[in-house]
Amino acid sequence: MEQTPDNNEEEKKPVSNPEAVVEAVLFSVGNSVKYKRLAEVLLMDEDETIALVRKLKDKYDRNNNRGITIMELEDSVQMCSKVNMYEHLIKIAKTPRKYELTESVLEVLSIVAYKQPVTRIEIEKIRGVSSDHQVNRLIEYGLIQELGRLNAPGRPLLFGTTEEFLRSFGVKSIEDLPMAAPERVEEFKKEAEEEMSVKVDI
């Protein structure tokens, strides 16, 4: 008796033009897409999907006549315009949102980036002053987010950086951040003390 093809077997065959599918998905979604989800769409394993996306990214980056590229963000990827296209984009698009990253806001962002997950109390111990305003501003900008609560008395909130932070600072993951010099903690404390003295004088 002739066996009929197993529909499940057919469904598991990789798509015929995976690069085109990746382009279509990333372009349509607009935001980042996890490699795991892409692999499911392509019917490929995750390692094959990563290799395929990086090959496509390399094509974009080597071709000066292309205005787009692909950005890797930890376990996700996103289609975006090349940096050298910015001057042309601002002529037609709305002016990108600008972050008011003052010295004190940058200090808190640095602490969160290097110490995450970290509580507000831990941030304030390092800085020596209240950091409510800075934390709230970074949450508003989408650069940090709540990760949950610490299993300790009062169950304080834990904070960490976001994908927007990675995009804004052009890094693939927090592991790619430059090593923080130990003396920076002391600088944070000193600058925070100066900030507090200014507030007191006012």
C-alpha atoms as a PDB file:
ATOM      1  CA  MET A   1       0.000   0.000   0.000  1.00  0.00           C
ATOM      2  CA  GLU A   2       1.349   3.429  -0.962  1.00  0.00           C
ATOM      3  CA  GLN A   3       2.041   5.609   2.043  1.00  0.00           C
ATOM      4  CA  THR A   4       0.692   9.141   2.055  1.00  0.00           C
ATOM      5  CA  PRO A   5       3.116  11.927   3.068  1.00  0.00           C
ATOM      6  CA  ASP A   6       2.989  12.955   6.670  1.00  0.00           C
ATOM      7  CA  ASN A   7       1.664  16.511   6.830  1.00  0.00           C
ATOM      8  CA  ASN A   8       3.760  17.161   9.920  1.00  0.00           C
ATOM      9  CA  GLU A   9       6.905  16.189   8.006  1.00  0.00           C
ATOM     10  CA  GLU A  10       6.039  18.670   5.245  1.00  0.00           C
ATOM     11  CA  GLU A  11       5.391  21.419   7.778  1.00  0.00           C
ATOM     12  CA  LYS A  12       8.837  20.960   9.251  1.00  0.00           C
ATOM     13  CA  LYS A  13      10.644  21.684   5.990  1.00  0.00           C
ATOM     14  CA  PRO A  14      12.492  25.051   6.168  1.00  0.00           C
ATOM     15  CA  VAL A  15      11.042  27.872   4.072  1.00  0.00           C
ATOM     16  CA  SER A  16      12.396  28.191   0.530  1.00  0.00           C
ATOM     17  CA  ASN A  17      13.707  31.759   0.829  1.00  0.00           C
ATOM     18  CA  PRO A  18      14.612  32.337   4.494  1.00  0.00           C
ATOM     19  CA  GLU A  19      16.437  35.656   3.963  1.00  0.00           C
ATOM     20  CA  ALA A  20      13.352  37.169   2.341  1.00  0.00           C
ATOM     21  CA  VAL A  21      11.207  35.894   5.231  1.00  0.00           C
ATOM     22  CA  VAL A  22      13.569  37.485   7.779  1.00  0.00           C
ATOM     23  CA  GLU A  23      13.407  40.792   5.909  1.00  0.00           C
ATOM     24  CA  ALA A  24       9.621  40.676   5.706  1.00  0.00           C
ATOM     25  CA  VAL A  25       9.190  39.826   9.389  1.00  0.00           C
ATOM     26  CA  LEU A  26      11.652  42.421  10.715  1.00  0.00           C
ATOM     27  CA  PHE A  27      10.348  45.132   8.393  1.00  0.00           C
ATOM     28  CA  SER A  28       6.703  44.454   9.245  1.00  0.00           C
ATOM     29  CA  VAL A  29       7.154  44.128  12.998  1.00  0.00           C
ATOM     30  CA  GLY A  30       9.339  47.220  13.303  1.00  0.00           C
ATOM     31  CA  ASN A  31      10.445  46.389  16.839  1.00  0.00           C
ATOM     32  CA  SER A  32      12.855  43.682  17.955  1.00  0.00           C
ATOM     33  CA  VAL A  33      12.034  40.014  17.356  1.00  0.00           C
ATOM     34  CA  LYS A  34      13.503  37.191  19.413  1.00  0.00           C
ATOM     35  CA  TYR A  35      15.688  34.678  17.570  1.00  0.00           C
ATOM     36  CA  LYS A  36      13.512  31.937  19.024  1.00  0.00           C
ATOM     37  CA  ARG A  37      10.398  33.356  17.319  1.00  0.00           C
ATOM     38  CA  LEU A  38      12.248  33.829  14.023  1.00  0.00           C
ATOM     39  CA  ALA A  39      13.430  30.226  14.176  1.00  0.00           C
ATOM     40  CA  GLU A  40       9.835  29.077  14.617  1.00  0.00           C
ATOM     41  CA  VAL A  41       8.748  31.066  11.548  1.00  0.00           C
ATOM     42  CA  LEU A  42      11.659  29.767   9.439  1.00  0.00           C
ATOM     43  CA  LEU A  43      11.284  26.192  10.695  1.00  0.00           C
ATOM     44  CA  MET A  44      15.006  26.180  11.482  1.00  0.00           C
ATOM     45  CA  ASP A  45      16.888  25.690  14.716  1.00  0.00           C
ATOM     46  CA  GLU A  46      18.010  28.788  16.599  1.00  0.00           C
ATOM     47  CA  ASP A  47      21.730  28.482  15.772  1.00  0.00           C
ATOM     48  CA  GLU A  48      20.952  28.249  12.047  1.00  0.00           C
ATOM     49  CA  THR A  49      18.676  31.266  12.360  1.00  0.00           C
ATOM     50  CA  ILE A  50      21.371  33.319  14.101  1.00  0.00           C
ATOM     51  CA  ALA A  51      23.891  32.420  11.395  1.00  0.00           C
ATOM     52  CA  LEU A  52      21.400  33.353   8.668  1.00  0.00           C
ATOM     53  CA  VAL A  53      20.557  36.733  10.239  1.00  0.00           C
ATOM     54  CA  ARG A  54      24.240  37.587  10.722  1.00  0.00           C
ATOM     55  CA  LYS A  55      24.946  36.693   7.110  1.00  0.00           C
ATOM     56  CA  LEU A  56      22.123  39.007   6.005  1.00  0.00           C
ATOM     57  CA  LYS A  57      23.398  41.776   8.315  1.00  0.00           C
ATOM     58  CA  ASP A  58      26.862  41.415   6.774  1.00  0.00           C
ATOM     59  CA  LYS A  59      25.367  41.885   3.301  1.00  0.00           C
ATOM     60  CA  TYR A  60      23.689  45.103   4.383  1.00  0.00           C
ATOM     61  CA  ASP A  61      26.808  46.438   6.114  1.00  0.00           C
ATOM     62  CA  ARG A  62      29.117  45.699   3.166  1.00  0.00           C
ATOM     63  CA  ASN A  63      26.803  47.359   0.638  1.00  0.00           C
ATOM     64  CA  ASN A  64      27.124  51.142   0.792  1.00  0.00           C
ATOM     65  CA  ASN A  65      24.068  51.475  -1.447  1.00  0.00           C
ATOM     66  CA  ARG A  66      21.787  50.047   1.244  1.00  0.00           C
ATOM     67  CA  GLY A  67      20.347  52.342   3.910  1.00  0.00           C
ATOM     68  CA  ILE A  68      19.276  49.641   6.345  1.00  0.00           C
ATOM     69  CA  THR A  69      21.003  47.156   8.586  1.00  0.00           C
ATOM     70  CA  ILE A  70      20.156  44.696  11.349  1.00  0.00           C
ATOM     71  CA  MET A  71      20.902  45.337  15.012  1.00  0.00           C
ATOM     72  CA  GLU A  72      21.407  42.491  17.494  1.00  0.00           C
ATOM     73  CA  LEU A  73      20.007  43.023  20.992  1.00  0.00           C
ATOM     74  CA  GLU A  74      20.910  40.121  23.295  1.00  0.00           C
ATOM     75  CA  ASP A  75      18.598  37.332  22.090  1.00  0.00           C
ATOM     76  CA  SER A  76      16.681  39.554  19.648  1.00  0.00           C
ATOM     77  CA  VAL A  77      17.203  41.351  16.337  1.00  0.00           C
ATOM     78  CA  GLN A  78      15.710  44.469  14.809  1.00  0.00           C
ATOM     79  CA  MET A  79      15.845  46.080  11.375  1.00  0.00           C
ATOM     80  CA  CYS A  80      16.936  49.706  11.503  1.00  0.00           C
ATOM     81  CA  SER A  81      18.422  52.470   9.371  1.00  0.00           C
ATOM     82  CA  LYS A  82      22.184  52.911   9.164  1.00  0.00           C
ATOM     83  CA  VAL A  83      23.683  55.637  11.334  1.00  0.00           C
ATOM     84  CA  ASN A  84      24.860  57.659   8.330  1.00  0.00           C
ATOM     85  CA  MET A  85      21.244  57.979   7.160  1.00  0.00           C
ATOM     86  CA  TYR A  86      20.236  60.107  10.162  1.00  0.00           C
ATOM     87  CA  GLU A  87      20.724  63.488   8.454  1.00  0.00           C
ATOM     88  CA  HIS A  88      18.304  62.424   5.721  1.00  0.00           C
ATOM     89  CA  LEU A  89      15.747  60.852   8.043  1.00  0.00           C
ATOM     90  CA  ILE A  90      15.265  63.963  10.187  1.00  0.00           C
ATOM     91  CA  LYS A  91      14.134  65.867   7.075  1.00  0.00           C
ATOM     92  CA  ILE A  92      11.007  63.740   6.810  1.00  0.00           C
ATOM     93  CA  ALA A  93      10.543  62.036  10.164  1.00  0.00           C
ATOM     94  CA  LYS A  94       9.689  63.622  13.482  1.00  0.00           C
ATOM     95  CA  THR A  95      12.681  64.725  15.482  1.00  0.00           C
ATOM     96  CA  PRO A  96      13.767  61.755  17.614  1.00  0.00           C
ATOM     97  CA  ARG A  97      13.049  62.053  21.304  1.00  0.00           C
ATOM     98  CA  LYS A  98      15.985  63.565  23.137  1.00  0.00           C
ATOM     99  CA  TYR A  99      16.975  62.360  26.560  1.00  0.00           C
ATOM    100  CA  GLU A 100      17.943  64.938  29.144  1.00  0.00           C
ATOM    101  CA  LEU A 101      20.713  62.865  30.638  1.00  0.00           C
ATOM    102  CA  THR A 102      22.176  65.123  33.307  1.00  0.00           C
ATOM    103  CA  GLU A 103      25.253  64.057  35.242  1.00  0.00           C
ATOM    104  CA  SER A 104      23.144  62.736  38.120  1.00  0.00           C
ATOM    105  CA  VAL A 105      20.819  60.794  35.764  1.00  0.00           C
ATOM    106  CA  LEU A 106      23.819  59.293  33.980  1.00  0.00           C
ATOM    107  CA  GLU A 107      25.306  58.281  37.333  1.00  0.00           C
ATOM    108  CA  VAL A 108      22.160  56.362  38.271  1.00  0.00           C
ATOM    109  CA  LEU A 109      21.958  54.797  34.806  1.00  0.00           C
ATOM    110  CA  SER A 110      25.578  53.653  35.101  1.00  0.00           C
ATOM    111  CA  ILE A 111      24.941  52.126  38.520  1.00  0.00           C
ATOM    112  CA  VAL A 112      21.883  50.253  37.263  1.00  0.00           C
ATOM    113  CA  ALA A 113      23.714  49.062  34.133  1.00  0.00           C
ATOM    114  CA  TYR A 114      26.672  47.645  36.040  1.00  0.00           C
ATOM    115  CA  LYS A 115      24.972  46.458  39.253  1.00  0.00           C
ATOM    116  CA  GLN A 116      21.612  45.155  37.928  1.00  0.00           C
ATOM    117  CA  PRO A 117      19.392  43.878  39.281  1.00  0.00           C
ATOM    118  CA  VAL A 118      19.676  46.640  41.856  1.00  0.00           C
ATOM    119  CA  THR A 119      17.278  48.285  44.321  1.00  0.00           C
ATOM    120  CA  ARG A 120      16.705  52.004  44.762  1.00  0.00           C
ATOM    121  CA  ILE A 121      18.210  51.733  48.255  1.00  0.00           C
ATOM    122  CA  GLU A 122      21.413  50.208  46.856  1.00  0.00           C
ATOM    123  CA  ILE A 123      21.618  53.012  44.285  1.00  0.00           C
ATOM    124  CA  GLU A 124      21.250  55.610  47.020  1.00  0.00           C
ATOM    125  CA  LYS A 125      23.877  53.913  49.206  1.00  0.00           C
ATOM    126  CA  ILE A 126      26.389  54.256  46.364  1.00  0.00           C
ATOM    127  CA  ARG A 127      25.422  57.854  45.575  1.00  0.00           C
ATOM    128  CA  GLY A 128      24.834  58.955  49.155  1.00  0.00           C
ATOM    129  CA  VAL A 129      21.694  60.925  48.242  1.00  0.00           C
ATOM    130  CA  SER A 130      18.068  60.312  47.286  1.00  0.00           C
ATOM    131  CA  SER A 131      17.739  59.145  43.685  1.00  0.00           C
ATOM    132  CA  ASP A 132      13.956  59.042  43.254  1.00  0.00           C
ATOM    133  CA  HIS A 133      13.910  61.747  40.573  1.00  0.00           C
ATOM    134  CA  GLN A 134      16.695  60.126  38.546  1.00  0.00           C
ATOM    135  CA  VAL A 135      15.165  56.642  38.708  1.00  0.00           C
ATOM    136  CA  ASN A 136      11.736  57.947  37.713  1.00  0.00           C
ATOM    137  CA  ARG A 137      13.210  59.919  34.806  1.00  0.00           C
ATOM    138  CA  LEU A 138      15.069  56.837  33.500  1.00  0.00           C
ATOM    139  CA  ILE A 139      11.865  54.779  33.719  1.00  0.00           C
ATOM    140  CA  GLU A 140      10.046  57.547  31.817  1.00  0.00           C
ATOM    141  CA  TYR A 141      12.719  57.443  29.097  1.00  0.00           C
ATOM    142  CA  GLY A 142      12.395  53.662  28.889  1.00  0.00           C
ATOM    143  CA  LEU A 143      16.082  53.144  29.692  1.00  0.00           C
ATOM    144  CA  ILE A 144      15.469  51.144  32.891  1.00  0.00           C
ATOM    145  CA  GLN A 145      12.569  48.997  34.063  1.00  0.00           C
ATOM    146  CA  GLU A 146      11.257  47.139  37.101  1.00  0.00           C
ATOM    147  CA  LEU A 147      12.470  43.526  37.102  1.00  0.00           C
ATOM    148  CA  GLY A 148      10.540  42.296  40.125  1.00  0.00           C
ATOM    149  CA  ARG A 149      11.011  42.481  43.879  1.00  0.00           C
ATOM    150  CA  LEU A 150      13.858  41.447  46.141  1.00  0.00           C
ATOM    151  CA  ASN A 151      13.023  38.652  48.573  1.00  0.00           C
ATOM    152  CA  ALA A 152      13.834  40.775  51.617  1.00  0.00           C
ATOM    153  CA  PRO A 153      11.934  42.817  54.236  1.00  0.00           C
ATOM    154  CA  GLY A 154       9.756  45.375  52.480  1.00  0.00           C
ATOM    155  CA  ARG A 155      10.262  43.518  49.165  1.00  0.00           C
ATOM    156  CA  PRO A 156      11.953  46.473  47.434  1.00  0.00           C
ATOM    157  CA  LEU A 157      11.721  46.809  43.654  1.00  0.00           C
ATOM    158  CA  LEU A 158      14.632  45.648  41.516  1.00  0.00           C
ATOM    159  CA  PHE A 159      15.707  47.685  38.484  1.00  0.00           C
ATOM    160  CA  GLY A 160      17.587  46.790  35.315  1.00  0.00           C
ATOM    161  CA  THR A 161      18.230  48.218  31.860  1.00  0.00           C
ATOM    162  CA  THR A 162      15.951  47.761  28.847  1.00  0.00           C
ATOM    163  CA  GLU A 163      16.315  47.011  25.140  1.00  0.00           C
ATOM    164  CA  GLU A 164      15.913  50.744  24.565  1.00  0.00           C
ATOM    165  CA  PHE A 165      19.072  51.247  26.640  1.00  0.00           C
ATOM    166  CA  LEU A 166      20.964  48.803  24.407  1.00  0.00           C
ATOM    167  CA  ARG A 167      19.659  50.499  21.253  1.00  0.00           C
ATOM    168  CA  SER A 168      20.458  53.986  22.532  1.00  0.00           C
ATOM    169  CA  PHE A 169      24.020  53.129  23.523  1.00  0.00           C
ATOM    170  CA  GLY A 170      24.712  50.851  20.555  1.00  0.00           C
ATOM    171  CA  VAL A 171      25.583  47.673  22.447  1.00  0.00           C
ATOM    172  CA  LYS A 172      24.345  44.140  21.838  1.00  0.00           C
ATOM    173  CA  SER A 173      24.082  43.177  25.506  1.00  0.00           C
ATOM    174  CA  ILE A 174      25.133  44.414  28.936  1.00  0.00           C
ATOM    175  CA  GLU A 175      28.137  42.071  28.681  1.00  0.00           C
ATOM    176  CA  ASP A 176      29.455  44.359  25.918  1.00  0.00           C
ATOM    177  CA  LEU A 177      29.611  47.387  28.213  1.00  0.00           C
ATOM    178  CA  PRO A 178      33.157  48.607  28.930  1.00  0.00           C
ATOM    179  CA  MET A 179      34.615  47.596  32.269  1.00  0.00           C
ATOM    180  CA  ALA A 180      33.791  50.113  34.994  1.00  0.00           C
ATOM    181  CA  ALA A 181      36.802  51.481  36.837  1.00  0.00           C
ATOM    182  CA  PRO A 182      36.555  50.903  40.631  1.00  0.00           C
ATOM    183  CA  GLU A 183      37.304  54.551  41.313  1.00  0.00           C
ATOM    184  CA  ARG A 184      34.092  55.546  39.505  1.00  0.00           C
ATOM    185  CA  VAL A 185      32.066  54.547  42.575  1.00  0.00           C
ATOM    186  CA  GLU A 186      34.011  57.068  44.652  1.00  0.00           C
ATOM    187  CA  GLU A 187      33.473  59.663  41.949  1.00  0.00           C
ATOM    188  CA  PHE A 188      29.744  58.953  42.063  1.00  0.00           C
ATOM    189  CA  LYS A 189      29.739  59.531  45.816  1.00  0.00           C
ATOM    190  CA  LYS A 190      31.743  62.753  45.537  1.00  0.00           C
ATOM    191  CA  GLU A 191      29.561  64.160  42.769  1.00  0.00           C
ATOM    192  CA  ALA A 192      26.418  63.202  44.688  1.00  0.00           C
ATOM    193  CA  GLU A 193      27.702  64.985  47.798  1.00  0.00           C
ATOM    194  CA  GLU A 194      28.374  68.103  45.714  1.00  0.00           C
ATOM    195  CA  GLU A 195      24.877  67.831  44.240  1.00  0.00           C
ATOM    196  CA  MET A 196      23.376  67.626  47.724  1.00  0.00           C
ATOM    197  CA  SER A 197      25.396  70.617  48.989  1.00  0.00           C
ATOM    198  CA  VAL A 198      24.118  72.721  46.095  1.00  0.00           C
ATOM    199  CA  LYS A 199      20.503  71.789  46.962  1.00  0.00           C
ATOM    200  CA  VAL A 200      21.117  72.688  50.616  1.00  0.00           C
ATOM    201  CA  ASP A 201      22.625  76.067  49.672  1.00  0.00           C
ATOM    202  CA  ILE A 202      19.574  76.846  47.520  1.00  0.00           C
END
